[in-house]
């Protein structure tokens, strides 16, 4: 399916599918510092986030020469 994306700019409501990113580019947990000081480690995020420089490059429905695994 071809979708026109020329001049498309993401908004704060835009979303992407995690299947297009390496697992190492996805942040699924965070360390939380509580008000009284202790740190809680690896708290699961309700909505995973991408690392700052993450780039989508896995496209499973394209020919293999256009995508890396």
C-alpha atoms as a PDB file:
ATOM      1  CA  UNK A   1       0.000   0.000   0.000  1.00  0.00           C
ATOM      2  CA  UNK A   2       1.490   3.342  -1.024  1.00  0.00           C
ATOM      3  CA  UNK A   3       0.761   6.300   1.203  1.00  0.00           C
ATOM      4  CA  UNK A   4       1.788   9.786   0.098  1.00  0.00           C
ATOM      5  CA  UNK A   5       4.216  11.200   2.651  1.00  0.00           C
ATOM      6  CA  UNK A   6       5.719  14.156   0.815  1.00  0.00           C
ATOM      7  CA  UNK A   7       6.116  17.104   3.187  1.00  0.00           C
ATOM      8  CA  UNK A   8       4.581  15.128   6.076  1.00  0.00           C
ATOM      9  CA  UNK A   9       5.489  16.420   9.535  1.00  0.00           C
ATOM     10  CA  UNK A  10       4.713  14.424  12.697  1.00  0.00           C
ATOM     11  CA  UNK A  11       2.566  16.009  15.383  1.00  0.00           C
ATOM     12  CA  UNK A  12       2.366  15.239  19.091  1.00  0.00           C
ATOM     13  CA  UNK A  13      -0.462  12.824  18.204  1.00  0.00           C
ATOM     14  CA  UNK A  14       1.535  10.882  15.600  1.00  0.00           C
ATOM     15  CA  UNK A  15       2.472   7.280  16.309  1.00  0.00           C
ATOM     16  CA  UNK A  16       4.678   4.663  14.715  1.00  0.00           C
ATOM     17  CA  UNK A  17       4.652   0.891  14.844  1.00  0.00           C
ATOM     18  CA  UNK A  18       7.426  -0.624  16.958  1.00  0.00           C
ATOM     19  CA  UNK A  19       7.936  -3.372  14.351  1.00  0.00           C
ATOM     20  CA  UNK A  20       9.905  -0.852  12.276  1.00  0.00           C
ATOM     21  CA  UNK A  21      12.554  -0.287  14.974  1.00  0.00           C
ATOM     22  CA  UNK A  22      15.278  -2.390  16.549  1.00  0.00           C
ATOM     23  CA  UNK A  23      14.384  -3.502  20.059  1.00  0.00           C
ATOM     24  CA  UNK A  24      17.494  -1.645  21.289  1.00  0.00           C
ATOM     25  CA  UNK A  25      15.930   1.644  20.060  1.00  0.00           C
ATOM     26  CA  UNK A  26      12.777   1.218  22.193  1.00  0.00           C
ATOM     27  CA  UNK A  27      12.566   2.304  25.842  1.00  0.00           C
ATOM     28  CA  UNK A  28      10.053   0.074  27.607  1.00  0.00           C
ATOM     29  CA  UNK A  29      10.962   0.746  31.272  1.00  0.00           C
ATOM     30  CA  UNK A  30      12.190   3.678  33.360  1.00  0.00           C
ATOM     31  CA  UNK A  31      13.870   4.212  36.691  1.00  0.00           C
ATOM     32  CA  UNK A  32      11.705   6.409  38.917  1.00  0.00           C
ATOM     33  CA  UNK A  33      12.984   8.525  41.810  1.00  0.00           C
ATOM     34  CA  UNK A  34      10.308   8.752  44.491  1.00  0.00           C
ATOM     35  CA  UNK A  35       9.698  11.961  46.447  1.00  0.00           C
ATOM     36  CA  UNK A  36      11.234  10.469  49.601  1.00  0.00           C
ATOM     37  CA  UNK A  37      14.411   9.500  47.770  1.00  0.00           C
ATOM     38  CA  UNK A  38      14.480   5.790  46.872  1.00  0.00           C
ATOM     39  CA  UNK A  39      14.771   4.763  43.239  1.00  0.00           C
ATOM     40  CA  UNK A  40      12.423   2.179  41.753  1.00  0.00           C
ATOM     41  CA  UNK A  41      14.117   0.418  38.848  1.00  0.00           C
ATOM     42  CA  UNK A  42      12.656  -0.907  35.614  1.00  0.00           C
ATOM     43  CA  UNK A  43       9.097   0.353  36.000  1.00  0.00           C
ATOM     44  CA  UNK A  44       7.182  -0.652  32.817  1.00  0.00           C
ATOM     45  CA  UNK A  45       5.981   2.281  30.727  1.00  0.00           C
ATOM     46  CA  UNK A  46       2.346   2.321  29.663  1.00  0.00           C
ATOM     47  CA  UNK A  47       3.486   3.698  26.298  1.00  0.00           C
ATOM     48  CA  UNK A  48       7.007   2.765  25.157  1.00  0.00           C
ATOM     49  CA  UNK A  49       9.218   5.581  23.872  1.00  0.00           C
ATOM     50  CA  UNK A  50      11.885   5.724  21.209  1.00  0.00           C
ATOM     51  CA  UNK A  51      15.464   6.719  21.908  1.00  0.00           C
ATOM     52  CA  UNK A  52      16.295  10.185  20.635  1.00  0.00           C
ATOM     53  CA  UNK A  53      18.116   9.132  17.454  1.00  0.00           C
ATOM     54  CA  UNK A  54      16.014   6.061  16.609  1.00  0.00           C
ATOM     55  CA  UNK A  55      15.350   5.631  12.899  1.00  0.00           C
ATOM     56  CA  UNK A  56      12.822   3.191  11.415  1.00  0.00           C
ATOM     57  CA  UNK A  57      14.508   0.808   9.015  1.00  0.00           C
ATOM     58  CA  UNK A  58      12.728  -2.539   9.333  1.00  0.00           C
ATOM     59  CA  UNK A  59       9.980  -2.902   6.746  1.00  0.00           C
ATOM     60  CA  UNK A  60       8.822  -6.530   6.678  1.00  0.00           C
ATOM     61  CA  UNK A  61       6.552  -6.239   3.639  1.00  0.00           C
ATOM     62  CA  UNK A  62       9.182  -4.742   1.332  1.00  0.00           C
ATOM     63  CA  UNK A  63      11.758  -6.619  -0.748  1.00  0.00           C
ATOM     64  CA  UNK A  64      14.691  -7.710   1.425  1.00  0.00           C
ATOM     65  CA  UNK A  65      17.162  -5.366  -0.310  1.00  0.00           C
ATOM     66  CA  UNK A  66      15.157  -2.378   0.989  1.00  0.00           C
ATOM     67  CA  UNK A  67      15.133  -3.450   4.638  1.00  0.00           C
ATOM     68  CA  UNK A  68      17.574  -4.656   7.293  1.00  0.00           C
ATOM     69  CA  UNK A  69      16.669  -7.342   9.811  1.00  0.00           C
END
